[in-house]
Amino acid sequence: MALEMPAEWRLIMKKKKSYGLLIVGAVLLIAGIIFAVIAHNTSYAASVETGNTLTEVKAVIKEVEAGTKTGDLDALKAQQSELSALKLSQERPYSYGLTLVFFAVLLTIKGIYNAVVGVYKEDKTDVKRLAQAGLLAALCYIGFAFFKIDIPVPGSLEKTAFHFGNVFCVLAALLLGGYWGGLAGAIGMTIGDLTTSYVTSAPKTFLLKLFIGLIVGLVAHKIFKLSRDHSTKYVTGVTILSCACGMAFNVVADPLVGYFYKMYLLGVPQDISKALAKISTMTTGVNAVVAVVFASIFYLALRPALRKAGLFVAVTPEIPEEK
């Protein structure tokens, strides 16, 4: 018969793990800030100059194509491609640094919460939830990276997009709860940004997608206990309401946060930041409607199938009846 560790020892071990998480978060936070500052003053500053040159080359290409100016069009287009690739590589370090800062803040907050509050809970690592979170993070990445339509801002290098990624961000929160679902969406969509031309948006994406998941999870599971047994009508209504709340937040926050993020952290001119915010309001609104419709359909279809297969995650378990 295996010996069971005394409850006092388990609490001590959990406390040590919480403090360890707190220390790791704090170290990563300091390292991320230092890295982001250095990257901003070096590679990102160089990317701004590269962007100015790229804008000039694009203007010349338009003039040559219109016949108002002579030039080697093939050479100009080759130069445009080289400058675009160079600009993207110069932007990556700063975006990595900012993303690391946001992730470290999350770890630090989680460490503090565990040390002060959560350490007394007897939760075990849920392998089922972790596996599903990994799968949904991958779907978030695929939904953004491979199912998007870019919408450029006229007269600049900035752009936004219609995409399918938010569908799986919301679905993750419905299936796994706010914390795990938010992390799955944040990680999947951030990787999507970091591996495409949206690299500078990665830190903002991490923050916003995490909050989308937390809001959807709060409404669905903390308020309405969606994972418990309910009537089909109740489940359908709560699912749609939860999706709508998360996407309503995003419709307001994405353009607003994006405006200040682009202008103050990335140094994008105010007129371009404002134009991007206006276009983002439209694209975010369309993405929100798509997310509410498809995430609701997917969840309502998956819920009974996962229950039958024994893979459904009870975010808020049923309350046992008193005997």
C-alpha atoms as a PDB file:
ATOM      1  CA  MET A   1       0.000   0.000   0.000  1.00  0.00           C
ATOM      2  CA  ALA A   2       1.463   3.368  -1.056  1.00  0.00           C
ATOM      3  CA  LEU A   3       2.140   5.895   1.673  1.00  0.00           C
ATOM      4  CA  GLU A   4       0.196   9.150   1.329  1.00  0.00           C
ATOM      5  CA  MET A   5       2.003  12.439   1.964  1.00  0.00           C
ATOM      6  CA  PRO A   6       0.598  14.310   4.999  1.00  0.00           C
ATOM      7  CA  ALA A   7      -1.630  17.290   4.191  1.00  0.00           C
ATOM      8  CA  GLU A   8       0.796  19.724   5.865  1.00  0.00           C
ATOM      9  CA  TRP A   9       3.659  18.528   3.651  1.00  0.00           C
ATOM     10  CA  ARG A  10       1.501  18.876   0.538  1.00  0.00           C
ATOM     11  CA  LEU A  11       0.712  22.475   1.453  1.00  0.00           C
ATOM     12  CA  ILE A  12       4.410  23.229   1.977  1.00  0.00           C
ATOM     13  CA  MET A  13       5.277  21.711  -1.421  1.00  0.00           C
ATOM     14  CA  LYS A  14       2.517  23.714  -3.113  1.00  0.00           C
ATOM     15  CA  LYS A  15       3.704  26.892  -1.453  1.00  0.00           C
ATOM     16  CA  LYS A  16       7.251  26.299  -2.680  1.00  0.00           C
ATOM     17  CA  LYS A  17       5.969  25.732  -6.212  1.00  0.00           C
ATOM     18  CA  SER A  18       3.961  28.959  -6.007  1.00  0.00           C
ATOM     19  CA  TYR A  19       6.989  30.941  -4.876  1.00  0.00           C
ATOM     20  CA  GLY A  20       9.031  29.273  -7.618  1.00  0.00           C
ATOM     21  CA  LEU A  21       6.482  30.375 -10.219  1.00  0.00           C
ATOM     22  CA  LEU A  22       6.541  33.880  -8.764  1.00  0.00           C
ATOM     23  CA  ILE A  23      10.345  34.047  -8.944  1.00  0.00           C
ATOM     24  CA  VAL A  24      10.429  32.713 -12.522  1.00  0.00           C
ATOM     25  CA  GLY A  25       7.797  35.277 -13.543  1.00  0.00           C
ATOM     26  CA  ALA A  26       9.721  38.130 -11.916  1.00  0.00           C
ATOM     27  CA  VAL A  27      13.031  37.097 -13.545  1.00  0.00           C
ATOM     28  CA  LEU A  28      11.391  36.767 -16.974  1.00  0.00           C
ATOM     29  CA  LEU A  29       9.688  40.130 -16.489  1.00  0.00           C
ATOM     30  CA  ILE A  30      12.983  41.902 -15.778  1.00  0.00           C
ATOM     31  CA  ALA A  31      14.710  40.089 -18.652  1.00  0.00           C
ATOM     32  CA  GLY A  32      11.816  40.887 -21.022  1.00  0.00           C
ATOM     33  CA  ILE A  33      11.848  44.590 -20.164  1.00  0.00           C
ATOM     34  CA  ILE A  34      15.628  44.833 -20.663  1.00  0.00           C
ATOM     35  CA  PHE A  35      15.446  42.897 -23.935  1.00  0.00           C
ATOM     36  CA  ALA A  36      12.500  44.983 -25.218  1.00  0.00           C
ATOM     37  CA  VAL A  37      14.242  48.288 -24.416  1.00  0.00           C
ATOM     38  CA  ILE A  38      17.472  47.218 -26.144  1.00  0.00           C
ATOM     39  CA  ALA A  39      15.568  45.848 -29.156  1.00  0.00           C
ATOM     40  CA  HIS A  40      13.504  49.038 -29.429  1.00  0.00           C
ATOM     41  CA  ASN A  41      16.594  51.228 -29.504  1.00  0.00           C
ATOM     42  CA  THR A  42      18.447  49.047 -32.015  1.00  0.00           C
ATOM     43  CA  SER A  43      16.652  46.701 -34.399  1.00  0.00           C
ATOM     44  CA  TYR A  44      13.213  48.324 -34.160  1.00  0.00           C
ATOM     45  CA  ALA A  45      14.666  51.801 -34.735  1.00  0.00           C
ATOM     46  CA  ALA A  46      16.368  50.385 -37.844  1.00  0.00           C
ATOM     47  CA  SER A  47      13.035  48.877 -38.991  1.00  0.00           C
ATOM     48  CA  VAL A  48      11.450  52.352 -38.947  1.00  0.00           C
ATOM     49  CA  GLU A  49      14.119  53.590 -41.366  1.00  0.00           C
ATOM     50  CA  THR A  50      13.647  50.500 -43.510  1.00  0.00           C
ATOM     51  CA  GLY A  51       9.901  51.145 -43.517  1.00  0.00           C
ATOM     52  CA  ASN A  52      10.416  54.708 -44.739  1.00  0.00           C
ATOM     53  CA  THR A  53      12.605  53.446 -47.577  1.00  0.00           C
ATOM     54  CA  LEU A  54      10.047  50.756 -48.402  1.00  0.00           C
ATOM     55  CA  THR A  55       7.273  53.372 -48.595  1.00  0.00           C
ATOM     56  CA  GLU A  56       9.371  55.410 -51.024  1.00  0.00           C
ATOM     57  CA  VAL A  57      10.063  52.365 -53.211  1.00  0.00           C
ATOM     58  CA  LYS A  58       6.342  51.513 -53.297  1.00  0.00           C
ATOM     59  CA  ALA A  59       5.549  55.066 -54.386  1.00  0.00           C
ATOM     60  CA  VAL A  60       8.111  54.836 -57.209  1.00  0.00           C
ATOM     61  CA  ILE A  61       6.667  51.479 -58.324  1.00  0.00           C
ATOM     62  CA  LYS A  62       3.199  53.046 -58.596  1.00  0.00           C
ATOM     63  CA  GLU A  63       4.585  55.916 -60.654  1.00  0.00           C
ATOM     64  CA  VAL A  64       6.434  53.530 -62.985  1.00  0.00           C
ATOM     65  CA  GLU A  65       3.317  51.378 -63.407  1.00  0.00           C
ATOM     66  CA  ALA A  66       1.259  54.509 -64.130  1.00  0.00           C
ATOM     67  CA  GLY A  67       3.786  55.626 -66.765  1.00  0.00           C
ATOM     68  CA  THR A  68       4.593  58.931 -65.053  1.00  0.00           C
ATOM     69  CA  LYS A  69       8.127  57.834 -64.301  1.00  0.00           C
ATOM     70  CA  THR A  70      10.693  55.557 -65.935  1.00  0.00           C
ATOM     71  CA  GLY A  71      12.536  52.782 -64.148  1.00  0.00           C
ATOM     72  CA  ASP A  72      13.302  49.073 -63.975  1.00  0.00           C
ATOM     73  CA  LEU A  73      10.063  47.678 -62.576  1.00  0.00           C
ATOM     74  CA  ASP A  74      11.473  44.183 -61.938  1.00  0.00           C
ATOM     75  CA  ALA A  75      14.421  45.595 -59.998  1.00  0.00           C
ATOM     76  CA  LEU A  76      12.141  47.853 -57.977  1.00  0.00           C
ATOM     77  CA  LYS A  77       9.838  44.949 -57.073  1.00  0.00           C
ATOM     78  CA  ALA A  78      12.832  42.841 -56.089  1.00  0.00           C
ATOM     79  CA  GLN A  79      14.023  45.698 -53.873  1.00  0.00           C
ATOM     80  CA  GLN A  80      10.532  45.927 -52.348  1.00  0.00           C
ATOM     81  CA  SER A  81      10.592  42.228 -51.462  1.00  0.00           C
ATOM     82  CA  GLU A  82      14.059  42.508 -49.917  1.00  0.00           C
ATOM     83  CA  LEU A  83      13.075  45.542 -47.857  1.00  0.00           C
ATOM     84  CA  SER A  84       9.854  43.874 -46.666  1.00  0.00           C
ATOM     85  CA  ALA A  85      11.783  40.812 -45.479  1.00  0.00           C
ATOM     86  CA  LEU A  86      14.421  42.998 -43.811  1.00  0.00           C
ATOM     87  CA  LYS A  87      11.791  45.104 -42.030  1.00  0.00           C
ATOM     88  CA  LEU A  88      10.048  41.996 -40.716  1.00  0.00           C
ATOM     89  CA  SER A  89      13.292  40.540 -39.341  1.00  0.00           C
ATOM     90  CA  GLN A  90      14.135  43.875 -37.678  1.00  0.00           C
ATOM     91  CA  GLU A  91      10.712  44.061 -35.988  1.00  0.00           C
ATOM     92  CA  ARG A  92      10.805  40.560 -34.498  1.00  0.00           C
ATOM     93  CA  PRO A  93      13.163  41.140 -31.504  1.00  0.00           C
ATOM     94  CA  TYR A  94      11.092  44.024 -30.102  1.00  0.00           C
ATOM     95  CA  SER A  95       7.861  42.057 -30.503  1.00  0.00           C
ATOM     96  CA  TYR A  96       9.439  39.023 -28.818  1.00  0.00           C
ATOM     97  CA  GLY A  97      10.525  41.241 -25.923  1.00  0.00           C
ATOM     98  CA  LEU A  98       7.072  42.770 -25.409  1.00  0.00           C
ATOM     99  CA  THR A  99       5.390  39.370 -25.660  1.00  0.00           C
ATOM    100  CA  LEU A 100       7.794  37.998 -23.060  1.00  0.00           C
ATOM    101  CA  VAL A 101       6.929  40.930 -20.762  1.00  0.00           C
ATOM    102  CA  PHE A 102       3.181  40.226 -20.999  1.00  0.00           C
ATOM    103  CA  PHE A 103       3.705  36.489 -20.478  1.00  0.00           C
ATOM    104  CA  ALA A 104       5.960  37.158 -17.466  1.00  0.00           C
ATOM    105  CA  VAL A 105       3.332  39.453 -15.941  1.00  0.00           C
ATOM    106  CA  LEU A 106       0.801  36.612 -16.282  1.00  0.00           C
ATOM    107  CA  LEU A 107       3.181  34.156 -14.589  1.00  0.00           C
ATOM    108  CA  THR A 108       3.898  36.624 -11.793  1.00  0.00           C
ATOM    109  CA  ILE A 109       0.199  37.245 -11.136  1.00  0.00           C
ATOM    110  CA  LYS A 110      -0.485  33.494 -11.174  1.00  0.00           C
ATOM    111  CA  GLY A 111       2.386  32.942  -8.724  1.00  0.00           C
ATOM    112  CA  ILE A 112       1.052  35.599  -6.356  1.00  0.00           C
ATOM    113  CA  TYR A 113      -2.482  34.191  -6.585  1.00  0.00           C
ATOM    114  CA  ASN A 114      -1.301  30.642  -5.880  1.00  0.00           C
ATOM    115  CA  ALA A 115       0.823  31.779  -2.943  1.00  0.00           C
ATOM    116  CA  VAL A 116      -1.944  33.846  -1.349  1.00  0.00           C
ATOM    117  CA  VAL A 117      -5.163  32.064  -2.331  1.00  0.00           C
ATOM    118  CA  GLY A 118      -4.866  29.089  -4.620  1.00  0.00           C
ATOM    119  CA  VAL A 119      -2.260  27.173  -2.638  1.00  0.00           C
ATOM    120  CA  TYR A 120      -4.918  25.696  -0.386  1.00  0.00           C
ATOM    121  CA  LYS A 121      -6.839  24.089  -3.217  1.00  0.00           C
ATOM    122  CA  GLU A 122      -6.344  20.392  -3.822  1.00  0.00           C
ATOM    123  CA  ASP A 123      -6.377  20.642  -7.631  1.00  0.00           C
ATOM    124  CA  LYS A 124      -4.478  18.041  -9.636  1.00  0.00           C
ATOM    125  CA  THR A 125      -2.942  18.646 -13.054  1.00  0.00           C
ATOM    126  CA  ASP A 126      -5.630  17.927 -15.610  1.00  0.00           C
ATOM    127  CA  VAL A 127      -3.929  16.170 -18.526  1.00  0.00           C
ATOM    128  CA  LYS A 128      -7.192  16.086 -20.477  1.00  0.00           C
ATOM    129  CA  ARG A 129      -7.596  19.854 -20.229  1.00  0.00           C
ATOM    130  CA  LEU A 130      -3.934  20.480 -21.084  1.00  0.00           C
ATOM    131  CA  ALA A 131      -4.145  18.288 -24.194  1.00  0.00           C
ATOM    132  CA  GLN A 132      -7.320  20.011 -25.380  1.00  0.00           C
ATOM    133  CA  ALA A 133      -5.756  23.422 -24.716  1.00  0.00           C
ATOM    134  CA  GLY A 134      -2.801  22.481 -26.929  1.00  0.00           C
ATOM    135  CA  LEU A 135      -5.129  21.332 -29.699  1.00  0.00           C
ATOM    136  CA  LEU A 136      -7.251  24.493 -29.504  1.00  0.00           C
ATOM    137  CA  ALA A 137      -4.137  26.695 -29.494  1.00  0.00           C
ATOM    138  CA  ALA A 138      -3.098  24.979 -32.730  1.00  0.00           C
ATOM    139  CA  LEU A 139      -6.573  25.591 -34.194  1.00  0.00           C
ATOM    140  CA  CYS A 140      -6.341  29.287 -33.208  1.00  0.00           C
ATOM    141  CA  TYR A 141      -3.048  29.505 -35.078  1.00  0.00           C
ATOM    142  CA  ILE A 142      -4.457  27.751 -38.159  1.00  0.00           C
ATOM    143  CA  GLY A 143      -7.632  29.865 -38.090  1.00  0.00           C
ATOM    144  CA  PHE A 144      -5.568  33.050 -38.223  1.00  0.00           C
ATOM    145  CA  ALA A 145      -2.534  32.084 -40.297  1.00  0.00           C
ATOM    146  CA  PHE A 146      -4.356  30.190 -43.060  1.00  0.00           C
ATOM    147  CA  PHE A 147      -7.895  31.599 -43.050  1.00  0.00           C
ATOM    148  CA  LYS A 148      -7.470  35.367 -43.287  1.00  0.00           C
ATOM    149  CA  ILE A 149      -7.961  38.197 -45.752  1.00  0.00           C
ATOM    150  CA  ASP A 150      -5.554  41.127 -45.312  1.00  0.00           C
ATOM    151  CA  ILE A 151      -6.967  44.663 -45.405  1.00  0.00           C
ATOM    152  CA  PRO A 152      -4.186  47.275 -45.889  1.00  0.00           C
ATOM    153  CA  VAL A 153      -4.365  50.846 -44.609  1.00  0.00           C
ATOM    154  CA  PRO A 154      -4.053  53.192 -47.629  1.00  0.00           C
ATOM    155  CA  GLY A 155      -0.790  55.135 -47.762  1.00  0.00           C
ATOM    156  CA  SER A 156       1.009  53.064 -45.121  1.00  0.00           C
ATOM    157  CA  LEU A 157       2.529  49.658 -44.386  1.00  0.00           C
ATOM    158  CA  GLU A 158      -0.064  48.889 -41.684  1.00  0.00           C
ATOM    159  CA  LYS A 159      -2.878  46.384 -42.187  1.00  0.00           C
ATOM    160  CA  THR A 160      -5.595  44.425 -40.426  1.00  0.00           C
ATOM    161  CA  ALA A 161      -7.459  41.270 -41.420  1.00  0.00           C
ATOM    162  CA  PHE A 162     -10.665  39.293 -41.553  1.00  0.00           C
ATOM    163  CA  HIS A 163      -9.834  35.910 -40.011  1.00  0.00           C
ATOM    164  CA  PHE A 164     -11.192  32.764 -38.355  1.00  0.00           C
ATOM    165  CA  GLY A 165      -8.910  32.712 -35.315  1.00  0.00           C
ATOM    166  CA  ASN A 166     -11.358  34.267 -32.849  1.00  0.00           C
ATOM    167  CA  VAL A 167     -13.754  31.379 -33.420  1.00  0.00           C
ATOM    168  CA  PHE A 168     -11.375  28.972 -31.699  1.00  0.00           C
ATOM    169  CA  CYS A 169     -10.394  31.505 -29.005  1.00  0.00           C
ATOM    170  CA  VAL A 170     -14.024  31.653 -27.913  1.00  0.00           C
ATOM    171  CA  LEU A 171     -14.544  27.907 -28.376  1.00  0.00           C
ATOM    172  CA  ALA A 172     -11.528  27.215 -26.138  1.00  0.00           C
ATOM    173  CA  ALA A 173     -13.024  29.281 -23.306  1.00  0.00           C
ATOM    174  CA  LEU A 174     -16.391  27.543 -23.678  1.00  0.00           C
ATOM    175  CA  LEU A 175     -14.797  24.095 -23.525  1.00  0.00           C
ATOM    176  CA  LEU A 176     -12.004  24.674 -20.999  1.00  0.00           C
ATOM    177  CA  GLY A 177     -12.961  27.722 -18.946  1.00  0.00           C
ATOM    178  CA  GLY A 178     -11.567  31.229 -18.902  1.00  0.00           C
ATOM    179  CA  TYR A 179      -8.012  30.565 -17.709  1.00  0.00           C
ATOM    180  CA  TRP A 180      -7.092  27.585 -19.890  1.00  0.00           C
ATOM    181  CA  GLY A 181      -9.210  28.776 -22.810  1.00  0.00           C
ATOM    182  CA  GLY A 182      -7.752  32.263 -22.614  1.00  0.00           C
ATOM    183  CA  LEU A 183      -4.205  30.871 -22.558  1.00  0.00           C
ATOM    184  CA  ALA A 184      -4.923  28.595 -25.528  1.00  0.00           C
ATOM    185  CA  GLY A 185      -6.301  31.507 -27.559  1.00  0.00           C
ATOM    186  CA  ALA A 186      -3.537  33.894 -26.509  1.00  0.00           C
ATOM    187  CA  ILE A 187      -0.717  31.464 -27.272  1.00  0.00           C
ATOM    188  CA  GLY A 188      -2.165  30.204 -30.569  1.00  0.00           C
ATOM    189  CA  MET A 189      -2.968  33.648 -31.952  1.00  0.00           C
ATOM    190  CA  THR A 190       0.322  35.133 -30.740  1.00  0.00           C
ATOM    191  CA  ILE A 191       2.272  32.427 -32.543  1.00  0.00           C
ATOM    192  CA  GLY A 192       0.173  33.253 -35.601  1.00  0.00           C
ATOM    193  CA  ASP A 193       1.323  36.876 -35.383  1.00  0.00           C
ATOM    194  CA  LEU A 194       4.966  36.031 -34.690  1.00  0.00           C
ATOM    195  CA  THR A 195       5.195  33.740 -37.721  1.00  0.00           C
ATOM    196  CA  THR A 196       3.481  36.097 -40.188  1.00  0.00           C
ATOM    197  CA  SER A 197       3.761  39.731 -41.230  1.00  0.00           C
ATOM    198  CA  TYR A 198       1.707  40.740 -38.136  1.00  0.00           C
ATOM    199  CA  VAL A 199       4.727  40.255 -35.864  1.00  0.00           C
ATOM    200  CA  THR A 200       4.488  43.726 -34.272  1.00  0.00           C
ATOM    201  CA  SER A 201       0.905  43.001 -33.160  1.00  0.00           C
ATOM    202  CA  ALA A 202       1.889  39.886 -31.168  1.00  0.00           C
ATOM    203  CA  PRO A 203       2.067  41.519 -27.688  1.00  0.00           C
ATOM    204  CA  LYS A 204      -1.315  43.216 -28.154  1.00  0.00           C
ATOM    205  CA  THR A 205      -2.793  39.982 -29.463  1.00  0.00           C
ATOM    206  CA  PHE A 206      -1.583  38.008 -26.433  1.00  0.00           C
ATOM    207  CA  LEU A 207      -3.233  40.450 -24.054  1.00  0.00           C
ATOM    208  CA  LEU A 208      -6.549  40.824 -25.883  1.00  0.00           C
ATOM    209  CA  LYS A 209      -7.092  37.129 -26.640  1.00  0.00           C
ATOM    210  CA  LEU A 210      -6.357  36.251 -23.010  1.00  0.00           C
ATOM    211  CA  PHE A 211      -9.033  38.711 -21.891  1.00  0.00           C
ATOM    212  CA  ILE A 212     -11.513  37.381 -24.455  1.00  0.00           C
ATOM    213  CA  GLY A 213     -11.092  33.924 -22.963  1.00  0.00           C
ATOM    214  CA  LEU A 214     -11.396  35.194 -19.392  1.00  0.00           C
ATOM    215  CA  ILE A 215     -14.603  37.106 -20.184  1.00  0.00           C
ATOM    216  CA  VAL A 216     -16.226  34.222 -22.074  1.00  0.00           C
ATOM    217  CA  GLY A 217     -15.213  31.840 -19.277  1.00  0.00           C
ATOM    218  CA  LEU A 218     -16.514  34.194 -16.595  1.00  0.00           C
ATOM    219  CA  VAL A 219     -19.949  34.491 -18.181  1.00  0.00           C
ATOM    220  CA  ALA A 220     -20.258  30.854 -19.266  1.00  0.00           C
ATOM    221  CA  HIS A 221     -18.858  29.045 -16.248  1.00  0.00           C
ATOM    222  CA  LYS A 222     -18.613  31.355 -13.245  1.00  0.00           C
ATOM    223  CA  ILE A 223     -22.025  32.976 -13.696  1.00  0.00           C
ATOM    224  CA  PHE A 224     -24.138  30.422 -15.592  1.00  0.00           C
ATOM    225  CA  LYS A 225     -22.275  27.127 -14.803  1.00  0.00           C
ATOM    226  CA  LEU A 226     -22.474  26.045 -18.449  1.00  0.00           C
ATOM    227  CA  SER A 227     -20.631  22.724 -18.056  1.00  0.00           C
ATOM    228  CA  ARG A 228     -23.289  21.347 -15.702  1.00  0.00           C
ATOM    229  CA  ASP A 229     -26.390  19.499 -16.903  1.00  0.00           C
ATOM    230  CA  HIS A 230     -28.953  21.930 -18.310  1.00  0.00           C
ATOM    231  CA  SER A 231     -31.735  21.961 -20.860  1.00  0.00           C
ATOM    232  CA  THR A 232     -30.832  22.424 -24.529  1.00  0.00           C
ATOM    233  CA  LYS A 233     -32.528  25.829 -24.558  1.00  0.00           C
ATOM    234  CA  TYR A 234     -30.511  26.986 -21.525  1.00  0.00           C
ATOM    235  CA  VAL A 235     -27.196  25.763 -22.981  1.00  0.00           C
ATOM    236  CA  THR A 236     -27.905  27.404 -26.344  1.00  0.00           C
ATOM    237  CA  GLY A 237     -28.813  30.750 -24.798  1.00  0.00           C
ATOM    238  CA  VAL A 238     -25.834  30.846 -22.418  1.00  0.00           C
ATOM    239  CA  THR A 239     -23.445  29.798 -25.200  1.00  0.00           C
ATOM    240  CA  ILE A 240     -24.552  32.613 -27.496  1.00  0.00           C
ATOM    241  CA  LEU A 241     -24.564  35.156 -24.645  1.00  0.00           C
ATOM    242  CA  SER A 242     -21.055  34.167 -23.512  1.00  0.00           C
ATOM    243  CA  CYS A 243     -19.675  34.391 -27.048  1.00  0.00           C
ATOM    244  CA  ALA A 244     -21.352  37.769 -27.536  1.00  0.00           C
ATOM    245  CA  CYS A 245     -19.881  39.182 -24.306  1.00  0.00           C
ATOM    246  CA  GLY A 246     -16.343  38.161 -25.237  1.00  0.00           C
ATOM    247  CA  MET A 247     -16.649  39.533 -28.745  1.00  0.00           C
ATOM    248  CA  ALA A 248     -18.319  42.762 -27.573  1.00  0.00           C
ATOM    249  CA  PHE A 249     -15.239  43.379 -25.450  1.00  0.00           C
ATOM    250  CA  ASN A 250     -12.996  42.737 -28.444  1.00  0.00           C
ATOM    251  CA  VAL A 251     -14.948  45.051 -30.763  1.00  0.00           C
ATOM    252  CA  VAL A 252     -14.291  47.928 -28.349  1.00  0.00           C
ATOM    253  CA  ALA A 253     -10.834  46.960 -27.039  1.00  0.00           C
ATOM    254  CA  ASP A 254      -9.095  45.889 -30.244  1.00  0.00           C
ATOM    255  CA  PRO A 255      -9.283  49.235 -32.094  1.00  0.00           C
ATOM    256  CA  LEU A 256      -8.837  51.271 -28.897  1.00  0.00           C
ATOM    257  CA  VAL A 257      -5.873  49.333 -27.508  1.00  0.00           C
ATOM    258  CA  GLY A 258      -4.455  49.020 -31.005  1.00  0.00           C
ATOM    259  CA  TYR A 259      -4.524  52.795 -31.487  1.00  0.00           C
ATOM    260  CA  PHE A 260      -2.511  53.543 -28.337  1.00  0.00           C
ATOM    261  CA  TYR A 261      -0.260  50.500 -28.798  1.00  0.00           C
ATOM    262  CA  LYS A 262       0.678  51.452 -32.353  1.00  0.00           C
ATOM    263  CA  MET A 263       1.162  55.122 -31.565  1.00  0.00           C
ATOM    264  CA  TYR A 264       3.014  54.976 -28.233  1.00  0.00           C
ATOM    265  CA  LEU A 265       4.823  51.625 -28.258  1.00  0.00           C
ATOM    266  CA  LEU A 266       5.553  51.277 -31.973  1.00  0.00           C
ATOM    267  CA  GLY A 267       5.842  54.950 -32.908  1.00  0.00           C
ATOM    268  CA  VAL A 268       3.323  54.801 -35.765  1.00  0.00           C
ATOM    269  CA  PRO A 269       2.146  58.323 -36.771  1.00  0.00           C
ATOM    270  CA  GLN A 270      -1.160  59.408 -35.233  1.00  0.00           C
ATOM    271  CA  ASP A 271      -3.023  59.776 -38.545  1.00  0.00           C
ATOM    272  CA  ILE A 272      -2.065  56.243 -39.617  1.00  0.00           C
ATOM    273  CA  SER A 273      -2.901  54.826 -36.161  1.00  0.00           C
ATOM    274  CA  LYS A 274      -6.292  56.523 -36.331  1.00  0.00           C
ATOM    275  CA  ALA A 275      -6.963  55.201 -39.841  1.00  0.00           C
ATOM    276  CA  LEU A 276      -5.969  51.696 -38.746  1.00  0.00           C
ATOM    277  CA  ALA A 277      -8.284  51.926 -35.722  1.00  0.00           C
ATOM    278  CA  LYS A 278     -11.219  52.904 -37.961  1.00  0.00           C
ATOM    279  CA  ILE A 279     -10.617  50.028 -40.367  1.00  0.00           C
ATOM    280  CA  SER A 280     -10.026  47.648 -37.431  1.00  0.00           C
ATOM    281  CA  THR A 281     -13.445  48.567 -36.031  1.00  0.00           C
ATOM    282  CA  MET A 282     -15.019  47.234 -39.224  1.00  0.00           C
ATOM    283  CA  THR A 283     -12.906  44.069 -39.480  1.00  0.00           C
ATOM    284  CA  THR A 284     -13.207  43.332 -35.756  1.00  0.00           C
ATOM    285  CA  GLY A 285     -16.994  43.698 -35.971  1.00  0.00           C
ATOM    286  CA  VAL A 286     -17.201  41.205 -38.826  1.00  0.00           C
ATOM    287  CA  ASN A 287     -14.791  38.834 -37.057  1.00  0.00           C
ATOM    288  CA  ALA A 288     -16.945  39.100 -33.925  1.00  0.00           C
ATOM    289  CA  VAL A 289     -20.142  38.080 -35.727  1.00  0.00           C
ATOM    290  CA  VAL A 290     -18.325  35.158 -37.372  1.00  0.00           C
ATOM    291  CA  ALA A 291     -16.895  34.068 -34.017  1.00  0.00           C
ATOM    292  CA  VAL A 292     -20.250  34.180 -32.198  1.00  0.00           C
ATOM    293  CA  VAL A 293     -22.027  32.187 -34.913  1.00  0.00           C
ATOM    294  CA  PHE A 294     -19.412  29.509 -35.571  1.00  0.00           C
ATOM    295  CA  ALA A 295     -18.117  29.103 -31.998  1.00  0.00           C
ATOM    296  CA  SER A 296     -21.715  28.587 -30.813  1.00  0.00           C
ATOM    297  CA  ILE A 297     -22.389  26.028 -33.555  1.00  0.00           C
ATOM    298  CA  PHE A 298     -19.133  24.157 -32.849  1.00  0.00           C
ATOM    299  CA  TYR A 299     -19.673  24.100 -29.090  1.00  0.00           C
ATOM    300  CA  LEU A 300     -23.273  22.914 -29.303  1.00  0.00           C
ATOM    301  CA  ALA A 301     -22.184  20.144 -31.689  1.00  0.00           C
ATOM    302  CA  LEU A 302     -19.107  19.120 -29.669  1.00  0.00           C
ATOM    303  CA  ARG A 303     -20.693  19.196 -26.199  1.00  0.00           C
ATOM    304  CA  PRO A 304     -22.785  15.983 -26.499  1.00  0.00           C
ATOM    305  CA  ALA A 305     -20.073  14.221 -28.517  1.00  0.00           C
ATOM    306  CA  LEU A 306     -17.380  14.958 -25.918  1.00  0.00           C
ATOM    307  CA  ARG A 307     -19.703  13.890 -23.084  1.00  0.00           C
ATOM    308  CA  LYS A 308     -20.369  10.598 -24.837  1.00  0.00           C
ATOM    309  CA  ALA A 309     -16.648  10.020 -25.435  1.00  0.00           C
ATOM    310  CA  GLY A 310     -15.745  10.891 -21.838  1.00  0.00           C
ATOM    311  CA  LEU A 311     -13.621  13.845 -22.942  1.00  0.00           C
ATOM    312  CA  PHE A 312     -15.870  16.657 -21.736  1.00  0.00           C
ATOM    313  CA  VAL A 313     -14.194  18.964 -19.204  1.00  0.00           C
ATOM    314  CA  ALA A 314     -16.435  19.819 -16.257  1.00  0.00           C
ATOM    315  CA  VAL A 315     -15.256  23.375 -15.610  1.00  0.00           C
ATOM    316  CA  THR A 316     -17.807  23.720 -12.815  1.00  0.00           C
ATOM    317  CA  PRO A 317     -18.535  20.170 -11.572  1.00  0.00           C
ATOM    318  CA  GLU A 318     -21.981  19.093 -10.503  1.00  0.00           C
ATOM    319  CA  ILE A 319     -22.788  19.627  -6.811  1.00  0.00           C
ATOM    320  CA  PRO A 320     -23.236  16.182  -5.226  1.00  0.00           C
ATOM    321  CA  GLU A 321     -26.619  15.564  -3.659  1.00  0.00           C
ATOM    322  CA  GLU A 322     -26.730  15.289   0.129  1.00  0.00           C
ATOM    323  CA  LYS A 323     -27.668  11.875   1.455  1.00  0.00           C
END
